C-alpha atoms as a PDB file:
ATOM      1  CA  UNK A   1      67.204   4.537 -31.143  1.00  0.00           C
ATOM      2  CA  UNK A   2      67.502   5.536 -34.759  1.00  0.00           C
ATOM      3  CA  UNK A   3      64.345   6.227 -36.694  1.00  0.00           C
ATOM      4  CA  UNK A   4      63.528   3.747 -39.428  1.00  0.00           C
ATOM      5  CA  UNK A   5      61.474   4.235 -42.396  1.00  0.00           C
ATOM      6  CA  UNK A   6      58.049   2.246 -42.208  1.00  0.00           C
ATOM      7  CA  UNK A   7      59.049   0.121 -45.188  1.00  0.00           C
ATOM      8  CA  UNK A   8      62.120  -1.270 -43.326  1.00  0.00           C
ATOM      9  CA  UNK A   9      60.246  -2.225 -40.216  1.00  0.00           C
ATOM     10  CA  UNK A  10      59.575  -5.988 -40.597  1.00  0.00           C
ATOM     11  CA  UNK A  11      56.954  -6.281 -37.866  1.00  0.00           C
ATOM     12  CA  UNK A  12      55.058  -4.587 -34.931  1.00  0.00           C
ATOM     13  CA  UNK A  13      54.164  -6.025 -31.491  1.00  0.00           C
ATOM     14  CA  UNK A  14      50.449  -6.083 -30.505  1.00  0.00           C
ATOM     15  CA  UNK A  15      50.411  -6.051 -26.708  1.00  0.00           C
ATOM     16  CA  UNK A  16      46.755  -7.176 -26.652  1.00  0.00           C
ATOM     17  CA  UNK A  17      44.526  -7.010 -23.538  1.00  0.00           C
ATOM     18  CA  UNK A  18      46.495  -8.951 -21.104  1.00  0.00           C
ATOM     19  CA  UNK A  19      49.958 -10.627 -20.536  1.00  0.00           C
ATOM     20  CA  UNK A  20      48.507 -13.134 -17.984  1.00  0.00           C
ATOM     21  CA  UNK A  21      48.706 -16.659 -19.696  1.00  0.00           C
ATOM     22  CA  UNK A  22      45.643 -17.916 -17.759  1.00  0.00           C
ATOM     23  CA  UNK A  23      43.636 -14.836 -18.686  1.00  0.00           C
ATOM     24  CA  UNK A  24      44.771 -15.187 -22.413  1.00  0.00           C
ATOM     25  CA  UNK A  25      43.252 -18.714 -22.502  1.00  0.00           C
ATOM     26  CA  UNK A  26      39.959 -17.394 -21.178  1.00  0.00           C
ATOM     27  CA  UNK A  27      40.063 -14.369 -23.611  1.00  0.00           C
ATOM     28  CA  UNK A  28      40.637 -16.885 -26.493  1.00  0.00           C
ATOM     29  CA  UNK A  29      37.612 -18.925 -25.596  1.00  0.00           C
ATOM     30  CA  UNK A  30      35.531 -15.771 -25.137  1.00  0.00           C
ATOM     31  CA  UNK A  31      36.438 -14.041 -28.265  1.00  0.00           C
ATOM     32  CA  UNK A  32      36.248 -17.211 -30.320  1.00  0.00           C
ATOM     33  CA  UNK A  33      32.692 -17.811 -29.170  1.00  0.00           C
ATOM     34  CA  UNK A  34      31.805 -14.102 -29.792  1.00  0.00           C
ATOM     35  CA  UNK A  35      33.283 -14.315 -33.259  1.00  0.00           C
ATOM     36  CA  UNK A  36      31.494 -17.448 -34.251  1.00  0.00           C
ATOM     37  CA  UNK A  37      28.136 -15.974 -33.017  1.00  0.00           C
ATOM     38  CA  UNK A  38      28.833 -12.752 -34.969  1.00  0.00           C
ATOM     39  CA  UNK A  39      29.585 -14.747 -38.183  1.00  0.00           C
ATOM     40  CA  UNK A  40      26.703 -17.207 -37.844  1.00  0.00           C
ATOM     41  CA  UNK A  41      24.107 -14.533 -36.902  1.00  0.00           C
ATOM     42  CA  UNK A  42      24.971 -12.174 -39.673  1.00  0.00           C
ATOM     43  CA  UNK A  43      25.244 -14.872 -42.281  1.00  0.00           C
ATOM     44  CA  UNK A  44      21.806 -16.170 -41.358  1.00  0.00           C
ATOM     45  CA  UNK A  45      20.296 -12.802 -41.936  1.00  0.00           C
ATOM     46  CA  UNK A  46      22.142 -12.571 -45.401  1.00  0.00           C
ATOM     47  CA  UNK A  47      20.785 -16.091 -46.286  1.00  0.00           C
ATOM     48  CA  UNK A  48      17.198 -15.079 -45.191  1.00  0.00           C
ATOM     49  CA  UNK A  49      17.250 -11.840 -47.305  1.00  0.00           C
ATOM     50  CA  UNK A  50      18.762 -13.754 -50.246  1.00  0.00           C
ATOM     51  CA  UNK A  51      16.387 -16.698 -50.458  1.00  0.00           C
ATOM     52  CA  UNK A  52      12.994 -15.422 -49.365  1.00  0.00           C
ATOM     53  CA  UNK A  53      11.464 -13.213 -51.895  1.00  0.00           C
ATOM     54  CA  UNK A  54       9.140 -11.290 -49.448  1.00  0.00           C
ATOM     55  CA  UNK A  55      12.387  -9.811 -47.891  1.00  0.00           C
ATOM     56  CA  UNK A  56      13.495  -8.337 -51.307  1.00  0.00           C
ATOM     57  CA  UNK A  57      12.648  -4.832 -50.064  1.00  0.00           C
ATOM     58  CA  UNK A  58      15.015  -1.781 -49.683  1.00  0.00           C
ATOM     59  CA  UNK A  59      15.080  -2.186 -45.915  1.00  0.00           C
ATOM     60  CA  UNK A  60      16.091  -5.823 -45.961  1.00  0.00           C
ATOM     61  CA  UNK A  61      18.564  -5.247 -48.795  1.00  0.00           C
ATOM     62  CA  UNK A  62      20.263  -2.577 -46.799  1.00  0.00           C
ATOM     63  CA  UNK A  63      20.153  -4.802 -43.721  1.00  0.00           C
ATOM     64  CA  UNK A  64      21.862  -7.681 -45.535  1.00  0.00           C
ATOM     65  CA  UNK A  65      24.599  -5.299 -46.644  1.00  0.00           C
ATOM     66  CA  UNK A  66      25.022  -4.078 -43.049  1.00  0.00           C
ATOM     67  CA  UNK A  67      25.297  -7.816 -41.846  1.00  0.00           C
ATOM     68  CA  UNK A  68      28.067  -8.423 -44.604  1.00  0.00           C
ATOM     69  CA  UNK A  69      29.942  -5.395 -43.305  1.00  0.00           C
ATOM     70  CA  UNK A  70      29.593  -6.556 -39.689  1.00  0.00           C
ATOM     71  CA  UNK A  71      31.132  -9.818 -40.666  1.00  0.00           C
ATOM     72  CA  UNK A  72      33.904  -8.161 -42.518  1.00  0.00           C
ATOM     73  CA  UNK A  73      34.479  -5.710 -39.842  1.00  0.00           C
ATOM     74  CA  UNK A  74      34.932  -8.431 -37.187  1.00  0.00           C
ATOM     75  CA  UNK A  75      37.095 -10.532 -39.555  1.00  0.00           C
ATOM     76  CA  UNK A  76      39.493  -7.593 -39.988  1.00  0.00           C
ATOM     77  CA  UNK A  77      40.722  -7.766 -36.313  1.00  0.00           C
ATOM     78  CA  UNK A  78      39.532 -10.851 -34.300  1.00  0.00           C
ATOM     79  CA  UNK A  79      41.180 -13.752 -36.311  1.00  0.00           C
ATOM     80  CA  UNK A  80      44.688 -12.090 -35.788  1.00  0.00           C
ATOM     81  CA  UNK A  81      43.865 -11.565 -32.180  1.00  0.00           C
ATOM     82  CA  UNK A  82      42.896 -15.166 -31.688  1.00  0.00           C
ATOM     83  CA  UNK A  83      45.995 -16.389 -33.572  1.00  0.00           C
ATOM     84  CA  UNK A  84      48.230 -14.241 -31.171  1.00  0.00           C
ATOM     85  CA  UNK A  85      46.356 -15.542 -28.064  1.00  0.00           C
ATOM     86  CA  UNK A  86      46.608 -19.194 -29.212  1.00  0.00           C
ATOM     87  CA  UNK A  87      50.357 -18.952 -30.192  1.00  0.00           C
ATOM     88  CA  UNK A  88      51.273 -16.523 -27.388  1.00  0.00           C
ATOM     89  CA  UNK A  89      52.822 -14.403 -30.047  1.00  0.00           C
ATOM     90  CA  UNK A  90      52.379 -10.608 -30.275  1.00  0.00           C
ATOM     91  CA  UNK A  91      53.853  -9.995 -33.781  1.00  0.00           C
ATOM     92  CA  UNK A  92      52.146  -8.730 -36.783  1.00  0.00           C
ATOM     93  CA  UNK A  93      53.921  -8.077 -40.024  1.00  0.00           C
ATOM     94  CA  UNK A  94      54.159  -4.632 -41.565  1.00  0.00           C
ATOM     95  CA  UNK A  95      51.927  -5.621 -44.466  1.00  0.00           C
ATOM     96  CA  UNK A  96      49.409  -7.202 -42.063  1.00  0.00           C
ATOM     97  CA  UNK A  97      49.403  -4.015 -39.971  1.00  0.00           C
ATOM     98  CA  UNK A  98      49.066  -1.812 -43.095  1.00  0.00           C
ATOM     99  CA  UNK A  99      46.213  -4.034 -44.326  1.00  0.00           C
ATOM    100  CA  UNK A 100      44.427  -3.945 -40.979  1.00  0.00           C
ATOM    101  CA  UNK A 101      44.492  -0.096 -40.811  1.00  0.00           C
ATOM    102  CA  UNK A 102      43.213   0.105 -44.436  1.00  0.00           C
ATOM    103  CA  UNK A 103      40.425  -2.532 -44.219  1.00  0.00           C
ATOM    104  CA  UNK A 104      39.276  -1.549 -40.712  1.00  0.00           C
ATOM    105  CA  UNK A 105      38.797   2.087 -41.797  1.00  0.00           C
ATOM    106  CA  UNK A 106      36.925   0.916 -44.941  1.00  0.00           C
ATOM    107  CA  UNK A 107      34.345  -1.086 -42.987  1.00  0.00           C
ATOM    108  CA  UNK A 108      33.945   1.422 -40.092  1.00  0.00           C
ATOM    109  CA  UNK A 109      33.108   4.126 -42.788  1.00  0.00           C
ATOM    110  CA  UNK A 110      30.910   1.714 -44.627  1.00  0.00           C
ATOM    111  CA  UNK A 111      28.962   0.785 -41.562  1.00  0.00           C
ATOM    112  CA  UNK A 112      28.355   4.498 -40.840  1.00  0.00           C
ATOM    113  CA  UNK A 113      27.185   5.260 -44.311  1.00  0.00           C
ATOM    114  CA  UNK A 114      24.883   2.162 -44.441  1.00  0.00           C
ATOM    115  CA  UNK A 115      23.275   3.218 -41.104  1.00  0.00           C
ATOM    116  CA  UNK A 116      22.724   6.673 -42.749  1.00  0.00           C
ATOM    117  CA  UNK A 117      21.199   5.169 -45.890  1.00  0.00           C
ATOM    118  CA  UNK A 118      18.833   2.961 -43.710  1.00  0.00           C
ATOM    119  CA  UNK A 119      17.851   6.139 -41.744  1.00  0.00           C
ATOM    120  CA  UNK A 120      16.859   7.821 -45.135  1.00  0.00           C
ATOM    121  CA  UNK A 121      14.846   4.607 -45.999  1.00  0.00           C
ATOM    122  CA  UNK A 122      12.990   4.878 -42.835  1.00  0.00           C
ATOM    123  CA  UNK A 123      12.435   8.606 -43.322  1.00  0.00           C
ATOM    124  CA  UNK A 124      10.899   7.916 -46.753  1.00  0.00           C
ATOM    125  CA  UNK A 125       8.800   4.820 -45.399  1.00  0.00           C
ATOM    126  CA  UNK A 126       7.198   6.827 -42.578  1.00  0.00           C
ATOM    127  CA  UNK A 127       7.055  10.531 -43.997  1.00  0.00           C
ATOM    128  CA  UNK A 128       6.172   9.529 -47.547  1.00  0.00           C
ATOM    129  CA  UNK A 129       4.522   5.970 -47.376  1.00  0.00           C
ATOM    130  CA  UNK A 130       2.466   6.343 -50.564  1.00  0.00           C
ATOM    131  CA  UNK A 131       5.635   7.144 -52.659  1.00  0.00           C
ATOM    132  CA  UNK A 132       7.943   4.752 -50.941  1.00  0.00           C
ATOM    133  CA  UNK A 133       8.307   2.188 -53.687  1.00  0.00           C
ATOM    134  CA  UNK A 134       8.549   4.971 -56.300  1.00  0.00           C
ATOM    135  CA  UNK A 135      11.341   6.715 -54.395  1.00  0.00           C
ATOM    136  CA  UNK A 136      13.260   3.684 -53.039  1.00  0.00           C
ATOM    137  CA  UNK A 137      13.287   1.926 -56.436  1.00  0.00           C
ATOM    138  CA  UNK A 138      16.017  -0.826 -57.054  1.00  0.00           C
ATOM    139  CA  UNK A 139      18.385   1.457 -59.093  1.00  0.00           C
ATOM    140  CA  UNK A 140      18.449   4.066 -56.393  1.00  0.00           C
ATOM    141  CA  UNK A 141      19.107   1.460 -53.691  1.00  0.00           C
ATOM    142  CA  UNK A 142      21.896  -0.019 -55.754  1.00  0.00           C
ATOM    143  CA  UNK A 143      23.377   3.380 -56.301  1.00  0.00           C
ATOM    144  CA  UNK A 144      23.279   4.322 -52.590  1.00  0.00           C
ATOM    145  CA  UNK A 145      25.055   1.001 -51.697  1.00  0.00           C
ATOM    146  CA  UNK A 146      27.671   1.786 -54.341  1.00  0.00           C
ATOM    147  CA  UNK A 147      28.286   5.288 -53.286  1.00  0.00           C
ATOM    148  CA  UNK A 148      28.698   4.223 -49.725  1.00  0.00           C
ATOM    149  CA  UNK A 149      31.235   1.655 -50.642  1.00  0.00           C
ATOM    150  CA  UNK A 150      33.150   4.158 -52.979  1.00  0.00           C
ATOM    151  CA  UNK A 151      33.286   6.740 -50.257  1.00  0.00           C
ATOM    152  CA  UNK A 152      34.417   4.169 -47.777  1.00  0.00           C
ATOM    153  CA  UNK A 153      37.096   3.065 -50.270  1.00  0.00           C
ATOM    154  CA  UNK A 154      38.305   6.609 -50.564  1.00  0.00           C
ATOM    155  CA  UNK A 155      38.447   6.985 -46.797  1.00  0.00           C
ATOM    156  CA  UNK A 156      40.545   3.740 -46.449  1.00  0.00           C
ATOM    157  CA  UNK A 157      42.983   4.820 -49.146  1.00  0.00           C
ATOM    158  CA  UNK A 158      43.412   8.104 -47.281  1.00  0.00           C
ATOM    159  CA  UNK A 159      44.264   6.137 -44.041  1.00  0.00           C
ATOM    160  CA  UNK A 160      46.649   4.018 -46.128  1.00  0.00           C
ATOM    161  CA  UNK A 161      48.425   7.083 -47.395  1.00  0.00           C
ATOM    162  CA  UNK A 162      48.727   8.526 -43.818  1.00  0.00           C
ATOM    163  CA  UNK A 163      50.350   5.428 -42.390  1.00  0.00           C
ATOM    164  CA  UNK A 164      52.667   4.830 -45.319  1.00  0.00           C
ATOM    165  CA  UNK A 165      54.220   8.329 -44.622  1.00  0.00           C
ATOM    166  CA  UNK A 166      55.008   7.504 -40.916  1.00  0.00           C
ATOM    167  CA  UNK A 167      58.533   6.699 -39.798  1.00  0.00           C
ATOM    168  CA  UNK A 168      59.080   4.629 -36.627  1.00  0.00           C
ATOM    169  CA  UNK A 169      61.809   3.537 -34.283  1.00  0.00           C
ATOM    170  CA  UNK A 170      62.775  -0.008 -34.089  1.00  0.00           C
ATOM    171  CA  UNK A 171      60.646  -2.472 -31.857  1.00  0.00           C
ATOM    172  CA  UNK A 172      57.285  -0.620 -32.112  1.00  0.00           C
ATOM    173  CA  UNK A 173      54.943  -1.907 -29.443  1.00  0.00           C
ATOM    174  CA  UNK A 174      51.368  -1.063 -30.041  1.00  0.00           C
ATOM    175  CA  UNK A 175      49.182  -1.101 -26.763  1.00  0.00           C
ATOM    176  CA  UNK A 176      46.185  -2.621 -28.615  1.00  0.00           C
ATOM    177  CA  UNK A 177      44.907  -5.897 -29.925  1.00  0.00           C
ATOM    178  CA  UNK A 178      44.891  -4.559 -33.535  1.00  0.00           C
ATOM    179  CA  UNK A 179      46.759  -1.924 -35.510  1.00  0.00           C
ATOM    180  CA  UNK A 180      44.914   1.286 -34.478  1.00  0.00           C
ATOM    181  CA  UNK A 181      46.056   4.256 -36.605  1.00  0.00           C
ATOM    182  CA  UNK A 182      45.681   6.724 -33.606  1.00  0.00           C
ATOM    183  CA  UNK A 183      48.165   4.522 -31.753  1.00  0.00           C
ATOM    184  CA  UNK A 184      50.492   4.362 -34.510  1.00  0.00           C
ATOM    185  CA  UNK A 185      50.526   8.096 -34.873  1.00  0.00           C
ATOM    186  CA  UNK A 186      51.460   8.314 -31.109  1.00  0.00           C
ATOM    187  CA  UNK A 187      54.298   5.905 -31.554  1.00  0.00           C
ATOM    188  CA  UNK A 188      55.799   7.401 -34.703  1.00  0.00           C
ATOM    189  CA  UNK A 189      59.202   9.084 -34.530  1.00  0.00           C
ATOM    190  CA  UNK A 190      58.541  11.559 -37.224  1.00  0.00           C
ATOM    191  CA  UNK A 191      56.398  14.855 -36.984  1.00  0.00           C
ATOM    192  CA  UNK A 192      52.734  13.746 -37.179  1.00  0.00           C
ATOM    193  CA  UNK A 193      51.089  17.144 -36.856  1.00  0.00           C
ATOM    194  CA  UNK A 194      50.024  17.172 -40.538  1.00  0.00           C
ATOM    195  CA  UNK A 195      48.901  13.492 -40.263  1.00  0.00           C
ATOM    196  CA  UNK A 196      46.805  14.305 -37.181  1.00  0.00           C
ATOM    197  CA  UNK A 197      45.089  17.287 -38.878  1.00  0.00           C
ATOM    198  CA  UNK A 198      44.352  14.993 -41.938  1.00  0.00           C
ATOM    199  CA  UNK A 199      42.917  12.171 -39.613  1.00  0.00           C
ATOM    200  CA  UNK A 200      40.714  14.646 -37.692  1.00  0.00           C
ATOM    201  CA  UNK A 201      39.645  16.219 -40.971  1.00  0.00           C
ATOM    202  CA  UNK A 202      38.656  12.777 -42.375  1.00  0.00           C
ATOM    203  CA  UNK A 203      36.808  11.896 -39.217  1.00  0.00           C
ATOM    204  CA  UNK A 204      34.891  15.076 -39.118  1.00  0.00           C
ATOM    205  CA  UNK A 205      33.831  14.802 -42.739  1.00  0.00           C
ATOM    206  CA  UNK A 206      33.187  11.052 -43.064  1.00  0.00           C
ATOM    207  CA  UNK A 207      31.896  10.709 -39.490  1.00  0.00           C
ATOM    208  CA  UNK A 208      30.072  13.888 -38.917  1.00  0.00           C
ATOM    209  CA  UNK A 209      28.170  14.118 -42.180  1.00  0.00           C
ATOM    210  CA  UNK A 210      26.593  10.548 -41.778  1.00  0.00           C
ATOM    211  CA  UNK A 211      25.627  11.360 -38.229  1.00  0.00           C
ATOM    212  CA  UNK A 212      24.128  14.601 -39.202  1.00  0.00           C
ATOM    213  CA  UNK A 213      22.094  12.807 -41.803  1.00  0.00           C
ATOM    214  CA  UNK A 214      20.815  10.345 -39.349  1.00  0.00           C
ATOM    215  CA  UNK A 215      19.906  12.994 -36.807  1.00  0.00           C
ATOM    216  CA  UNK A 216      18.036  14.947 -39.577  1.00  0.00           C
ATOM    217  CA  UNK A 217      16.123  11.831 -40.756  1.00  0.00           C
ATOM    218  CA  UNK A 218      15.007  11.095 -37.088  1.00  0.00           C
ATOM    219  CA  UNK A 219      14.019  14.659 -36.581  1.00  0.00           C
ATOM    220  CA  UNK A 220      11.750  14.329 -39.592  1.00  0.00           C
ATOM    221  CA  UNK A 221      10.497  10.963 -38.548  1.00  0.00           C
ATOM    222  CA  UNK A 222       9.639  12.107 -35.065  1.00  0.00           C
ATOM    223  CA  UNK A 223       7.871  15.152 -36.420  1.00  0.00           C
ATOM    224  CA  UNK A 224       5.795  12.922 -38.707  1.00  0.00           C
ATOM    225  CA  UNK A 225       4.966  10.392 -35.939  1.00  0.00           C
ATOM    226  CA  UNK A 226       3.739  13.121 -33.519  1.00  0.00           C
ATOM    227  CA  UNK A 227       1.280  14.281 -36.091  1.00  0.00           C
ATOM    228  CA  UNK A 228      -0.365  10.834 -36.057  1.00  0.00           C
ATOM    229  CA  UNK A 229      -3.426  11.105 -33.769  1.00  0.00           C
ATOM    230  CA  UNK A 230      -3.782   7.504 -32.397  1.00  0.00           C
ATOM    231  CA  UNK A 231      -1.350   6.029 -30.034  1.00  0.00           C
ATOM    232  CA  UNK A 232      -1.483   2.770 -31.905  1.00  0.00           C
ATOM    233  CA  UNK A 233      -0.648   4.391 -35.226  1.00  0.00           C
ATOM    234  CA  UNK A 234       2.390   6.206 -33.408  1.00  0.00           C
ATOM    235  CA  UNK A 235       3.633   2.938 -32.065  1.00  0.00           C
ATOM    236  CA  UNK A 236       3.195   1.049 -35.284  1.00  0.00           C
ATOM    237  CA  UNK A 237       5.170   3.820 -37.167  1.00  0.00           C
ATOM    238  CA  UNK A 238       7.942   3.983 -34.522  1.00  0.00           C
ATOM    239  CA  UNK A 239       8.309   0.279 -34.334  1.00  0.00           C
ATOM    240  CA  UNK A 240       9.507   0.120 -37.887  1.00  0.00           C
ATOM    241  CA  UNK A 241      12.572   2.091 -37.099  1.00  0.00           C
ATOM    242  CA  UNK A 242      13.107   0.925 -33.426  1.00  0.00           C
ATOM    243  CA  UNK A 243      15.757  -1.717 -34.178  1.00  0.00           C
ATOM    244  CA  UNK A 244      17.725   0.715 -36.564  1.00  0.00           C
ATOM    245  CA  UNK A 245      17.651   3.461 -33.848  1.00  0.00           C
ATOM    246  CA  UNK A 246      19.027   0.940 -31.222  1.00  0.00           C
ATOM    247  CA  UNK A 247      21.844  -0.075 -33.635  1.00  0.00           C
ATOM    248  CA  UNK A 248      22.809   3.594 -34.395  1.00  0.00           C
ATOM    249  CA  UNK A 249      22.954   4.380 -30.764  1.00  0.00           C
ATOM    250  CA  UNK A 250      25.093   1.267 -30.114  1.00  0.00           C
ATOM    251  CA  UNK A 251      27.466   2.027 -33.006  1.00  0.00           C
ATOM    252  CA  UNK A 252      28.031   5.718 -32.223  1.00  0.00           C
ATOM    253  CA  UNK A 253      27.597   5.368 -28.485  1.00  0.00           C
ATOM    254  CA  UNK A 254      30.400   2.705 -28.226  1.00  0.00           C
ATOM    255  CA  UNK A 255      32.649   4.748 -30.694  1.00  0.00           C
ATOM    256  CA  UNK A 256      32.148   7.784 -28.532  1.00  0.00           C
ATOM    257  CA  UNK A 257      32.893   5.759 -25.419  1.00  0.00           C
ATOM    258  CA  UNK A 258      36.173   4.543 -26.975  1.00  0.00           C
ATOM    259  CA  UNK A 259      37.270   8.027 -27.903  1.00  0.00           C
ATOM    260  CA  UNK A 260      36.366   9.532 -24.371  1.00  0.00           C
ATOM    261  CA  UNK A 261      37.994   6.468 -22.473  1.00  0.00           C
ATOM    262  CA  UNK A 262      41.177   6.935 -24.562  1.00  0.00           C
ATOM    263  CA  UNK A 263      41.156  10.683 -23.920  1.00  0.00           C
ATOM    264  CA  UNK A 264      40.450  10.428 -20.211  1.00  0.00           C
ATOM    265  CA  UNK A 265      42.711   7.454 -19.380  1.00  0.00           C
ATOM    266  CA  UNK A 266      46.556   7.554 -19.131  1.00  0.00           C
ATOM    267  CA  UNK A 267      46.624   3.839 -19.800  1.00  0.00           C
ATOM    268  CA  UNK A 268      46.381   2.915 -23.607  1.00  0.00           C
ATOM    269  CA  UNK A 269      45.395  -0.575 -22.656  1.00  0.00           C
ATOM    270  CA  UNK A 270      42.238   0.663 -21.022  1.00  0.00           C
ATOM    271  CA  UNK A 271      41.295   2.256 -24.362  1.00  0.00           C
ATOM    272  CA  UNK A 272      41.948  -1.117 -25.950  1.00  0.00           C
ATOM    273  CA  UNK A 273      39.526  -2.743 -23.537  1.00  0.00           C
ATOM    274  CA  UNK A 274      36.977  -0.104 -24.359  1.00  0.00           C
ATOM    275  CA  UNK A 275      37.466  -0.793 -28.055  1.00  0.00           C
ATOM    276  CA  UNK A 276      36.138  -4.408 -27.535  1.00  0.00           C
ATOM    277  CA  UNK A 277      32.569  -3.017 -27.277  1.00  0.00           C
ATOM    278  CA  UNK A 278      33.019  -1.105 -30.574  1.00  0.00           C
ATOM    279  CA  UNK A 279      34.822  -3.787 -32.646  1.00  0.00           C
ATOM    280  CA  UNK A 280      33.496  -7.038 -31.153  1.00  0.00           C
ATOM    281  CA  UNK A 281      30.230  -6.655 -29.229  1.00  0.00           C
ATOM    282  CA  UNK A 282      28.397  -4.276 -31.623  1.00  0.00           C
ATOM    283  CA  UNK A 283      28.671  -6.435 -34.684  1.00  0.00           C
ATOM    284  CA  UNK A 284      27.586  -9.494 -32.636  1.00  0.00           C
ATOM    285  CA  UNK A 285      24.542  -7.797 -31.158  1.00  0.00           C
ATOM    286  CA  UNK A 286      23.242  -6.283 -34.355  1.00  0.00           C
ATOM    287  CA  UNK A 287      21.624  -9.584 -35.793  1.00  0.00           C
ATOM    288  CA  UNK A 288      19.892 -10.158 -32.422  1.00  0.00           C
ATOM    289  CA  UNK A 289      18.499  -6.548 -32.295  1.00  0.00           C
ATOM    290  CA  UNK A 290      17.056  -6.820 -35.891  1.00  0.00           C
ATOM    291  CA  UNK A 291      15.684 -10.449 -35.551  1.00  0.00           C
ATOM    292  CA  UNK A 292      14.078 -10.120 -32.068  1.00  0.00           C
ATOM    293  CA  UNK A 293      12.106  -7.083 -33.055  1.00  0.00           C
ATOM    294  CA  UNK A 294      11.139  -8.083 -36.634  1.00  0.00           C
ATOM    295  CA  UNK A 295       8.599 -10.801 -37.308  1.00  0.00           C
ATOM    296  CA  UNK A 296       9.486 -11.267 -41.074  1.00  0.00           C
ATOM    297  CA  UNK A 297      13.164 -11.777 -40.182  1.00  0.00           C
ATOM    298  CA  UNK A 298      12.292 -14.213 -37.208  1.00  0.00           C
ATOM    299  CA  UNK A 299      10.091 -16.271 -39.557  1.00  0.00           C
ATOM    300  CA  UNK A 300      12.603 -16.507 -42.314  1.00  0.00           C
ATOM    301  CA  UNK A 301      15.448 -17.366 -39.805  1.00  0.00           C
ATOM    302  CA  UNK A 302      13.260 -20.221 -38.248  1.00  0.00           C
ATOM    303  CA  UNK A 303      12.737 -21.655 -41.720  1.00  0.00           C
ATOM    304  CA  UNK A 304      16.458 -21.687 -42.544  1.00  0.00           C
ATOM    305  CA  UNK A 305      17.239 -23.289 -39.070  1.00  0.00           C
ATOM    306  CA  UNK A 306      14.482 -25.890 -39.549  1.00  0.00           C
ATOM    307  CA  UNK A 307      15.932 -26.799 -42.985  1.00  0.00           C
ATOM    308  CA  UNK A 308      19.432 -27.127 -41.523  1.00  0.00           C
ATOM    309  CA  UNK A 309      18.188 -29.254 -38.683  1.00  0.00           C
END
């Protein structure tokens, strides 16, 4: 087949998770339910932080931004998958695929950076409690969110440039339920060695640095907690960052699982199944993790639900 420049390719085919029509109906109901739970849970947290003044603290402001990122993260991939399952279509336009790659990388990077910012917030709260409100002042909090978004936007633009330089053969079939850049690199007809080096460099810089920041923060937090003499004091200090630690483990653990499963499996579709945990399940679970372990959030959520009811 003759290679075609990406701009002349009108559409790609997303093979999805299964070709079985009966299983596709089941998947449609399952993912629609999970998406609705994700949107509802995260929007409730955003509303709670917005309308209740006692939640206007750095920790909850960062949490509301994380919830907004989770909703956007899920909306990038799930609605298109639901549309394809409902219509039994596998196509996605070139523009739609390019948009998915760009926006998906934006919110993955933003989630990683926000988790790093939240780890720093917990570091200041536990290691420097008397200076917490001075250090984590509103201008600094706004700056941290703005820098996180700016860096994420830069990352997404780099991914856009990588994809825009690829050339493909006609009838490109992507063994995934969304446009995954790593799969597109494997399917490209042109030489992708430079593109792969750039992608690994981006992943190392914008993935490794946030993770290193989180590990450093928790090293300092654990050191500070161990210096507390009473068990009750240790538990109280650790409980303030327990939910964040669970979310961090879930985010990076599922991401690492997707990478390892893709590398170990010869079937690309098995990697797509593993990606469900990373792209669908994690954003759905985050609101439950924070609300179940946080009395302030639970109280605010019950007030909102009672008003709606």
